[in-house]
Amino acid sequence: MKLSATVALLMLACTCSSGSEETCPSFHQVLHNFLVGTLSSYQSMVEPFKPDADMQEAGTVMKNLVDSLPQSTREKVLKLSEKIVTTKVCA
């Protein structure tokens, strides 16, 4: 459960800003693939952002850890992220 809490906090930090700018729509697609997609779909989603080799490796390691969580947990974390970004705290 510690990993899912870490992922949720990471999502909060990345998707919720104190300014009025909106989160990049592509980020939400990447996050979706990160949580519930396949490794190859996640890697395809981040490719346009041209991550260096270290970033790619770190993303793959983290994706493999996330994939070890039950599917229902990953889906609930995804729902949590959607709830977070639609609250007035993140607006």
PDB file of N, CA and C in Angstrom:
ATOM      1  N   MET A   1       0.809  -1.185   0.000  1.00  0.00           N
ATOM      2  CA  MET A   1       0.000   0.000   0.000  1.00  0.00           C
ATOM      3  C   MET A   1       0.858   1.257   0.000  1.00  0.00           C
ATOM      4  N   LYS A   2       2.084   1.168   0.476  1.00  0.00           N
ATOM      5  CA  LYS A   2       2.960   2.328   0.491  1.00  0.00           C
ATOM      6  C   LYS A   2       3.234   2.816  -0.927  1.00  0.00           C
ATOM      7  N   LEU A   3       3.385   1.883  -1.875  1.00  0.00           N
ATOM      8  CA  LEU A   3       3.647   2.270  -3.255  1.00  0.00           C
ATOM      9  C   LEU A   3       2.469   3.037  -3.828  1.00  0.00           C
ATOM     10  N   SER A   4       1.256   2.584  -3.565  1.00  0.00           N
ATOM     11  CA  SER A   4       0.092   3.292  -4.117  1.00  0.00           C
ATOM     12  C   SER A   4      -0.035   4.686  -3.503  1.00  0.00           C
ATOM     13  N   ALA A   5       0.296   4.815  -2.227  1.00  0.00           N
ATOM     14  CA  ALA A   5       0.270   6.140  -1.609  1.00  0.00           C
ATOM     15  C   ALA A   5       1.323   7.046  -2.236  1.00  0.00           C
ATOM     16  N   THR A   6       2.498   6.486  -2.521  1.00  0.00           N
ATOM     17  CA  THR A   6       3.560   7.249  -3.166  1.00  0.00           C
ATOM     18  C   THR A   6       3.118   7.718  -4.544  1.00  0.00           C
ATOM     19  N   VAL A   7       2.497   6.817  -5.306  1.00  0.00           N
ATOM     20  CA  VAL A   7       2.021   7.170  -6.642  1.00  0.00           C
ATOM     21  C   VAL A   7       0.955   8.255  -6.546  1.00  0.00           C
ATOM     22  N   ALA A   8       0.051   8.139  -5.582  1.00  0.00           N
ATOM     23  CA  ALA A   8      -0.997   9.145  -5.429  1.00  0.00           C
ATOM     24  C   ALA A   8      -0.408  10.512  -5.096  1.00  0.00           C
ATOM     25  N   LEU A   9       0.575  10.538  -4.222  1.00  0.00           N
ATOM     26  CA  LEU A   9       1.213  11.813  -3.885  1.00  0.00           C
ATOM     27  C   LEU A   9       1.974  12.386  -5.070  1.00  0.00           C
ATOM     28  N   LEU A  10       2.621  11.527  -5.835  1.00  0.00           N
ATOM     29  CA  LEU A  10       3.316  11.968  -7.034  1.00  0.00           C
ATOM     30  C   LEU A  10       2.341  12.597  -8.016  1.00  0.00           C
ATOM     31  N   MET A  11       1.197  11.955  -8.201  1.00  0.00           N
ATOM     32  CA  MET A  11       0.184  12.484  -9.109  1.00  0.00           C
ATOM     33  C   MET A  11      -0.324  13.825  -8.622  1.00  0.00           C
ATOM     34  N   LEU A  12      -0.529  13.937  -7.319  1.00  0.00           N
ATOM     35  CA  LEU A  12      -1.003  15.196  -6.766  1.00  0.00           C
ATOM     36  C   LEU A  12      -0.010  16.317  -7.039  1.00  0.00           C
ATOM     37  N   ALA A  13       1.250  16.026  -6.812  1.00  0.00           N
ATOM     38  CA  ALA A  13       2.280  17.033  -7.039  1.00  0.00           C
ATOM     39  C   ALA A  13       2.377  17.429  -8.504  1.00  0.00           C
ATOM     40  N   CYS A  14       2.183  16.471  -9.384  1.00  0.00           N
ATOM     41  CA  CYS A  14       2.337  16.733 -10.824  1.00  0.00           C
ATOM     42  C   CYS A  14       1.098  17.343 -11.461  1.00  0.00           C
ATOM     43  N   THR A  15      -0.066  17.086 -10.901  1.00  0.00           N
ATOM     44  CA  THR A  15      -1.286  17.538 -11.556  1.00  0.00           C
ATOM     45  C   THR A  15      -1.929  18.733 -10.902  1.00  0.00           C
ATOM     46  N   CYS A  16      -1.534  19.046  -9.711  1.00  0.00           N
ATOM     47  CA  CYS A  16      -2.187  20.125  -8.974  1.00  0.00           C
ATOM     48  C   CYS A  16      -1.190  21.252  -8.770  1.00  0.00           C
ATOM     49  N   SER A  17      -1.483  22.402  -9.296  1.00  0.00           N
ATOM     50  CA  SER A  17      -0.567  23.524  -9.143  1.00  0.00           C
ATOM     51  C   SER A  17      -1.268  24.668  -8.428  1.00  0.00           C
ATOM     52  N   SER A  18      -0.476  25.533  -7.853  1.00  0.00           N
ATOM     53  CA  SER A  18      -1.068  26.669  -7.139  1.00  0.00           C
ATOM     54  C   SER A  18      -1.470  27.780  -8.099  1.00  0.00           C
ATOM     55  N   GLY A  19      -1.011  27.726  -9.337  1.00  0.00           N
ATOM     56  CA  GLY A  19      -1.372  28.733 -10.322  1.00  0.00           C
ATOM     57  C   GLY A  19      -2.647  28.365 -11.038  1.00  0.00           C
ATOM     58  N   SER A  20      -2.983  29.139 -12.052  1.00  0.00           N
ATOM     59  CA  SER A  20      -4.223  28.884 -12.766  1.00  0.00           C
ATOM     60  C   SER A  20      -4.013  28.055 -14.027  1.00  0.00           C
ATOM     61  N   GLU A  21      -2.788  27.645 -14.284  1.00  0.00           N
ATOM     62  CA  GLU A  21      -2.537  26.879 -15.495  1.00  0.00           C
ATOM     63  C   GLU A  21      -3.121  25.471 -15.386  1.00  0.00           C
ATOM     64  N   GLU A  22      -3.528  24.906 -16.509  1.00  0.00           N
ATOM     65  CA  GLU A  22      -4.094  23.573 -16.518  1.00  0.00           C
ATOM     66  C   GLU A  22      -3.005  22.557 -16.787  1.00  0.00           C
ATOM     67  N   THR A  23      -3.265  21.328 -16.352  1.00  0.00           N
ATOM     68  CA  THR A  23      -2.336  20.248 -16.588  1.00  0.00           C
ATOM     69  C   THR A  23      -2.391  19.850 -18.061  1.00  0.00           C
ATOM     70  N   CYS A  24      -1.249  19.539 -18.611  1.00  0.00           N
ATOM     71  CA  CYS A  24      -1.156  19.077 -19.997  1.00  0.00           C
ATOM     72  C   CYS A  24      -2.028  17.838 -20.181  1.00  0.00           C
ATOM     73  N   PRO A  25      -2.936  17.834 -21.169  1.00  0.00           N
ATOM     74  CA  PRO A  25      -3.795  16.670 -21.393  1.00  0.00           C
ATOM     75  C   PRO A  25      -3.001  15.382 -21.626  1.00  0.00           C
ATOM     76  N   SER A  26      -1.856  15.491 -22.246  1.00  0.00           N
ATOM     77  CA  SER A  26      -1.037  14.300 -22.487  1.00  0.00           C
ATOM     78  C   SER A  26      -0.577  13.667 -21.183  1.00  0.00           C
ATOM     79  N   PHE A  27      -0.392  14.486 -20.152  1.00  0.00           N
ATOM     80  CA  PHE A  27       0.024  13.948 -18.862  1.00  0.00           C
ATOM     81  C   PHE A  27      -1.004  12.953 -18.334  1.00  0.00           C
ATOM     82  N   HIS A  28      -2.279  13.276 -18.492  1.00  0.00           N
ATOM     83  CA  HIS A  28      -3.330  12.385 -18.015  1.00  0.00           C
ATOM     84  C   HIS A  28      -3.332  11.068 -18.792  1.00  0.00           C
ATOM     85  N   GLN A  29      -3.051  11.123 -20.073  1.00  0.00           N
ATOM     86  CA  GLN A  29      -2.971   9.902 -20.876  1.00  0.00           C
ATOM     87  C   GLN A  29      -1.773   9.056 -20.454  1.00  0.00           C
ATOM     88  N   VAL A  30      -0.652   9.710 -20.210  1.00  0.00           N
ATOM     89  CA  VAL A  30       0.535   8.992 -19.746  1.00  0.00           C
ATOM     90  C   VAL A  30       0.250   8.363 -18.390  1.00  0.00           C
ATOM     91  N   LEU A  31      -0.364   9.124 -17.495  1.00  0.00           N
ATOM     92  CA  LEU A  31      -0.681   8.608 -16.167  1.00  0.00           C
ATOM     93  C   LEU A  31      -1.612   7.402 -16.258  1.00  0.00           C
ATOM     94  N   HIS A  32      -2.611   7.490 -17.120  1.00  0.00           N
ATOM     95  CA  HIS A  32      -3.534   6.365 -17.309  1.00  0.00           C
ATOM     96  C   HIS A  32      -2.773   5.126 -17.759  1.00  0.00           C
ATOM     97  N   ASN A  33      -1.917   5.282 -18.752  1.00  0.00           N
ATOM     98  CA  ASN A  33      -1.129   4.144 -19.233  1.00  0.00           C
ATOM     99  C   ASN A  33      -0.153   3.655 -18.177  1.00  0.00           C
ATOM    100  N   PHE A  34       0.383   4.569 -17.382  1.00  0.00           N
ATOM    101  CA  PHE A  34       1.298   4.203 -16.313  1.00  0.00           C
ATOM    102  C   PHE A  34       0.599   3.313 -15.275  1.00  0.00           C
ATOM    103  N   LEU A  35      -0.644   3.655 -14.960  1.00  0.00           N
ATOM    104  CA  LEU A  35      -1.350   2.913 -13.917  1.00  0.00           C
ATOM    105  C   LEU A  35      -2.037   1.654 -14.411  1.00  0.00           C
ATOM    106  N   VAL A  36      -2.688   1.706 -15.553  1.00  0.00           N
ATOM    107  CA  VAL A  36      -3.492   0.554 -15.971  1.00  0.00           C
ATOM    108  C   VAL A  36      -3.155   0.022 -17.359  1.00  0.00           C
ATOM    109  N   GLY A  37      -2.248   0.670 -18.066  1.00  0.00           N
ATOM    110  CA  GLY A  37      -1.868   0.197 -19.394  1.00  0.00           C
ATOM    111  C   GLY A  37      -0.724  -0.813 -19.330  1.00  0.00           C
ATOM    112  N   THR A  38      -0.327  -1.266 -20.488  1.00  0.00           N
ATOM    113  CA  THR A  38       0.807  -2.185 -20.575  1.00  0.00           C
ATOM    114  C   THR A  38       2.108  -1.394 -20.551  1.00  0.00           C
ATOM    115  N   LEU A  39       3.187  -2.088 -20.292  1.00  0.00           N
ATOM    116  CA  LEU A  39       4.497  -1.436 -20.299  1.00  0.00           C
ATOM    117  C   LEU A  39       4.772  -0.812 -21.660  1.00  0.00           C
ATOM    118  N   SER A  40       4.466  -1.546 -22.726  1.00  0.00           N
ATOM    119  CA  SER A  40       4.738  -1.020 -24.067  1.00  0.00           C
ATOM    120  C   SER A  40       3.866   0.203 -24.382  1.00  0.00           C
ATOM    121  N   SER A  41       2.613   0.212 -23.920  1.00  0.00           N
ATOM    122  CA  SER A  41       1.762   1.383 -24.175  1.00  0.00           C
ATOM    123  C   SER A  41       2.267   2.590 -23.392  1.00  0.00           C
ATOM    124  N   TYR A  42       2.735   2.353 -22.178  1.00  0.00           N
ATOM    125  CA  TYR A  42       3.308   3.444 -21.380  1.00  0.00           C
ATOM    126  C   TYR A  42       4.557   4.000 -22.066  1.00  0.00           C
ATOM    127  N   GLN A  43       5.430   3.107 -22.509  1.00  0.00           N
ATOM    128  CA  GLN A  43       6.658   3.545 -23.170  1.00  0.00           C
ATOM    129  C   GLN A  43       6.350   4.320 -24.447  1.00  0.00           C
ATOM    130  N   SER A  44       5.338   3.906 -25.173  1.00  0.00           N
ATOM    131  CA  SER A  44       4.935   4.626 -26.390  1.00  0.00           C
ATOM    132  C   SER A  44       4.413   6.018 -26.061  1.00  0.00           C
ATOM    133  N   MET A  45       3.702   6.124 -24.948  1.00  0.00           N
ATOM    134  CA  MET A  45       3.138   7.421 -24.554  1.00  0.00           C
ATOM    135  C   MET A  45       4.215   8.421 -24.154  1.00  0.00           C
ATOM    136  N   VAL A  46       5.312   7.961 -23.561  1.00  0.00           N
ATOM    137  CA  VAL A  46       6.353   8.898 -23.122  1.00  0.00           C
ATOM    138  C   VAL A  46       7.387   9.177 -24.209  1.00  0.00           C
ATOM    139  N   GLU A  47       7.409   8.381 -25.248  1.00  0.00           N
ATOM    140  CA  GLU A  47       8.392   8.548 -26.320  1.00  0.00           C
ATOM    141  C   GLU A  47       8.417   9.959 -26.916  1.00  0.00           C
ATOM    142  N   PRO A  48       7.248  10.584 -27.184  1.00  0.00           N
ATOM    143  CA  PRO A  48       7.282  11.937 -27.768  1.00  0.00           C
ATOM    144  C   PRO A  48       7.970  12.980 -26.885  1.00  0.00           C
ATOM    145  N   PHE A  49       8.120  12.687 -25.602  1.00  0.00           N
ATOM    146  CA  PHE A  49       8.754  13.626 -24.683  1.00  0.00           C
ATOM    147  C   PHE A  49      10.271  13.450 -24.622  1.00  0.00           C
ATOM    148  N   LYS A  50      10.772  12.486 -25.396  1.00  0.00           N
ATOM    149  CA  LYS A  50      12.202  12.237 -25.559  1.00  0.00           C
ATOM    150  C   LYS A  50      12.963  12.098 -24.228  1.00  0.00           C
ATOM    151  N   PRO A  51      12.528  11.133 -23.405  1.00  0.00           N
ATOM    152  CA  PRO A  51      13.264  10.913 -22.161  1.00  0.00           C
ATOM    153  C   PRO A  51      14.642  10.317 -22.454  1.00  0.00           C
ATOM    154  N   ASP A  52      15.633  10.694 -21.643  1.00  0.00           N
ATOM    155  CA  ASP A  52      16.953  10.099 -21.836  1.00  0.00           C
ATOM    156  C   ASP A  52      16.933   8.664 -21.287  1.00  0.00           C
ATOM    157  N   ALA A  53      18.025   7.942 -21.456  1.00  0.00           N
ATOM    158  CA  ALA A  53      18.087   6.528 -21.084  1.00  0.00           C
ATOM    159  C   ALA A  53      17.805   6.319 -19.597  1.00  0.00           C
ATOM    160  N   ASP A  54      18.338   7.196 -18.745  1.00  0.00           N
ATOM    161  CA  ASP A  54      18.098   7.071 -17.303  1.00  0.00           C
ATOM    162  C   ASP A  54      16.625   7.258 -16.969  1.00  0.00           C
ATOM    163  N   MET A  55      15.985   8.218 -17.616  1.00  0.00           N
ATOM    164  CA  MET A  55      14.563   8.456 -17.390  1.00  0.00           C
ATOM    165  C   MET A  55      13.741   7.258 -17.849  1.00  0.00           C
ATOM    166  N   GLN A  56      14.084   6.713 -19.010  1.00  0.00           N
ATOM    167  CA  GLN A  56      13.370   5.552 -19.530  1.00  0.00           C
ATOM    168  C   GLN A  56      13.495   4.370 -18.577  1.00  0.00           C
ATOM    169  N   GLU A  57      14.720   4.136 -18.089  1.00  0.00           N
ATOM    170  CA  GLU A  57      14.942   3.019 -17.172  1.00  0.00           C
ATOM    171  C   GLU A  57      14.168   3.217 -15.866  1.00  0.00           C
ATOM    172  N   ALA A  58      14.217   4.424 -15.325  1.00  0.00           N
ATOM    173  CA  ALA A  58      13.502   4.710 -14.083  1.00  0.00           C
ATOM    174  C   ALA A  58      11.993   4.527 -14.271  1.00  0.00           C
ATOM    175  N   GLY A  59      11.469   4.999 -15.394  1.00  0.00           N
ATOM    176  CA  GLY A  59      10.044   4.836 -15.686  1.00  0.00           C
ATOM    177  C   GLY A  59       9.653   3.382 -15.810  1.00  0.00           C
ATOM    178  N   THR A  60      10.508   2.586 -16.442  1.00  0.00           N
ATOM    179  CA  THR A  60      10.238   1.155 -16.595  1.00  0.00           C
ATOM    180  C   THR A  60      10.259   0.453 -15.243  1.00  0.00           C
ATOM    181  N   VAL A  61      11.232   0.795 -14.409  1.00  0.00           N
ATOM    182  CA  VAL A  61      11.309   0.194 -13.076  1.00  0.00           C
ATOM    183  C   VAL A  61      10.055   0.539 -12.270  1.00  0.00           C
ATOM    184  N   MET A  62       9.682   1.811 -12.289  1.00  0.00           N
ATOM    185  CA  MET A  62       8.496   2.234 -11.539  1.00  0.00           C
ATOM    186  C   MET A  62       7.229   1.589 -12.097  1.00  0.00           C
ATOM    187  N   LYS A  63       7.116   1.510 -13.425  1.00  0.00           N
ATOM    188  CA  LYS A  63       5.951   0.877 -14.049  1.00  0.00           C
ATOM    189  C   LYS A  63       5.854  -0.575 -13.623  1.00  0.00           C
ATOM    190  N   ASN A  64       6.977  -1.279 -13.589  1.00  0.00           N
ATOM    191  CA  ASN A  64       6.959  -2.682 -13.163  1.00  0.00           C
ATOM    192  C   ASN A  64       6.512  -2.810 -11.702  1.00  0.00           C
ATOM    193  N   LEU A  65       6.921  -1.873 -10.859  1.00  0.00           N
ATOM    194  CA  LEU A  65       6.467  -1.887  -9.465  1.00  0.00           C
ATOM    195  C   LEU A  65       4.960  -1.628  -9.371  1.00  0.00           C
ATOM    196  N   VAL A  66       4.490  -0.645 -10.131  1.00  0.00           N
ATOM    197  CA  VAL A  66       3.059  -0.339 -10.136  1.00  0.00           C
ATOM    198  C   VAL A  66       2.265  -1.541 -10.645  1.00  0.00           C
ATOM    199  N   ASP A  67       2.785  -2.213 -11.667  1.00  0.00           N
ATOM    200  CA  ASP A  67       2.095  -3.375 -12.221  1.00  0.00           C
ATOM    201  C   ASP A  67       2.000  -4.532 -11.227  1.00  0.00           C
ATOM    202  N   SER A  68       2.828  -4.506 -10.178  1.00  0.00           N
ATOM    203  CA  SER A  68       2.759  -5.571  -9.174  1.00  0.00           C
ATOM    204  C   SER A  68       1.580  -5.360  -8.211  1.00  0.00           C
ATOM    205  N   LEU A  69       0.983  -4.174  -8.236  1.00  0.00           N
ATOM    206  CA  LEU A  69      -0.199  -3.911  -7.415  1.00  0.00           C
ATOM    207  C   LEU A  69      -1.420  -4.563  -8.054  1.00  0.00           C
ATOM    208  N   PRO A  70      -2.417  -4.917  -7.260  1.00  0.00           N
ATOM    209  CA  PRO A  70      -3.648  -5.467  -7.843  1.00  0.00           C
ATOM    210  C   PRO A  70      -4.294  -4.461  -8.801  1.00  0.00           C
ATOM    211  N   GLN A  71      -4.914  -4.969  -9.845  1.00  0.00           N
ATOM    212  CA  GLN A  71      -5.576  -4.125 -10.850  1.00  0.00           C
ATOM    213  C   GLN A  71      -6.584  -3.189 -10.188  1.00  0.00           C
ATOM    214  N   SER A  72      -7.344  -3.707  -9.224  1.00  0.00           N
ATOM    215  CA  SER A  72      -8.360  -2.873  -8.571  1.00  0.00           C
ATOM    216  C   SER A  72      -7.718  -1.691  -7.832  1.00  0.00           C
ATOM    217  N   THR A  73      -6.567  -1.902  -7.236  1.00  0.00           N
ATOM    218  CA  THR A  73      -5.860  -0.819  -6.549  1.00  0.00           C
ATOM    219  C   THR A  73      -5.427   0.242  -7.540  1.00  0.00           C
ATOM    220  N   ARG A  74      -4.866  -0.184  -8.669  1.00  0.00           N
ATOM    221  CA  ARG A  74      -4.416   0.772  -9.677  1.00  0.00           C
ATOM    222  C   ARG A  74      -5.584   1.574 -10.230  1.00  0.00           C
ATOM    223  N   GLU A  75      -6.725   0.920 -10.437  1.00  0.00           N
ATOM    224  CA  GLU A  75      -7.904   1.625 -10.935  1.00  0.00           C
ATOM    225  C   GLU A  75      -8.407   2.643  -9.915  1.00  0.00           C
ATOM    226  N   LYS A  76      -8.351   2.288  -8.636  1.00  0.00           N
ATOM    227  CA  LYS A  76      -8.789   3.221  -7.591  1.00  0.00           C
ATOM    228  C   LYS A  76      -7.848   4.412  -7.489  1.00  0.00           C
ATOM    229  N   VAL A  77      -6.555   4.188  -7.669  1.00  0.00           N
ATOM    230  CA  VAL A  77      -5.601   5.303  -7.655  1.00  0.00           C
ATOM    231  C   VAL A  77      -5.868   6.220  -8.847  1.00  0.00           C
ATOM    232  N   LEU A  78      -6.201   5.644  -9.994  1.00  0.00           N
ATOM    233  CA  LEU A  78      -6.545   6.445 -11.169  1.00  0.00           C
ATOM    234  C   LEU A  78      -7.792   7.285 -10.894  1.00  0.00           C
ATOM    235  N   LYS A  79      -8.797   6.687 -10.274  1.00  0.00           N
ATOM    236  CA  LYS A  79     -10.010   7.438  -9.914  1.00  0.00           C
ATOM    237  C   LYS A  79      -9.681   8.551  -8.924  1.00  0.00           C
ATOM    238  N   LEU A  80      -8.782   8.265  -7.994  1.00  0.00           N
ATOM    239  CA  LEU A  80      -8.366   9.289  -7.040  1.00  0.00           C
ATOM    240  C   LEU A  80      -7.710  10.462  -7.756  1.00  0.00           C
ATOM    241  N   SER A  81      -6.847  10.164  -8.717  1.00  0.00           N
ATOM    242  CA  SER A  81      -6.180  11.248  -9.444  1.00  0.00           C
ATOM    243  C   SER A  81      -7.198  12.088 -10.208  1.00  0.00           C
ATOM    244  N   GLU A  82      -8.201  11.448 -10.795  1.00  0.00           N
ATOM    245  CA  GLU A  82      -9.250  12.182 -11.503  1.00  0.00           C
ATOM    246  C   GLU A  82     -10.047  13.057 -10.533  1.00  0.00           C
ATOM    247  N   LYS A  83     -10.304  12.519  -9.347  1.00  0.00           N
ATOM    248  CA  LYS A  83     -11.026  13.290  -8.346  1.00  0.00           C
ATOM    249  C   LYS A  83     -10.210  14.486  -7.877  1.00  0.00           C
ATOM    250  N   ILE A  84      -8.922  14.272  -7.685  1.00  0.00           N
ATOM    251  CA  ILE A  84      -8.033  15.351  -7.229  1.00  0.00           C
ATOM    252  C   ILE A  84      -8.024  16.502  -8.208  1.00  0.00           C
ATOM    253  N   VAL A  85      -7.839  16.205  -9.496  1.00  0.00           N
ATOM    254  CA  VAL A  85      -7.703  17.294 -10.474  1.00  0.00           C
ATOM    255  C   VAL A  85      -9.013  18.003 -10.758  1.00  0.00           C
ATOM    256  N   THR A  86     -10.147  17.436 -10.337  1.00  0.00           N
ATOM    257  CA  THR A  86     -11.424  18.100 -10.577  1.00  0.00           C
ATOM    258  C   THR A  86     -11.922  18.868  -9.350  1.00  0.00           C
ATOM    259  N   THR A  87     -11.168  18.855  -8.266  1.00  0.00           N
ATOM    260  CA  THR A  87     -11.581  19.599  -7.087  1.00  0.00           C
ATOM    261  C   THR A  87     -11.191  21.067  -7.223  1.00  0.00           C
ATOM    262  N   LYS A  88     -11.838  21.909  -6.430  1.00  0.00           N
ATOM    263  CA  LYS A  88     -11.520  23.336  -6.495  1.00  0.00           C
ATOM    264  C   LYS A  88     -10.141  23.643  -5.928  1.00  0.00           C
ATOM    265  N   VAL A  89      -9.555  22.722  -5.180  1.00  0.00           N
ATOM    266  CA  VAL A  89      -8.202  22.915  -4.679  1.00  0.00           C
ATOM    267  C   VAL A  89      -7.223  22.988  -5.846  1.00  0.00           C
ATOM    268  N   CYS A  90      -7.501  22.224  -6.899  1.00  0.00           N
ATOM    269  CA  CYS A  90      -6.614  22.201  -8.075  1.00  0.00           C
ATOM    270  C   CYS A  90      -7.104  23.094  -9.196  1.00  0.00           C
ATOM    271  N   ALA A  91      -8.201  23.722  -9.012  1.00  0.00           N
ATOM    272  CA  ALA A  91      -8.751  24.564 -10.082  1.00  0.00           C
ATOM    273  C   ALA A  91      -7.993  25.853 -10.229  1.00  0.00           C
TER     274      ALA A  91
END
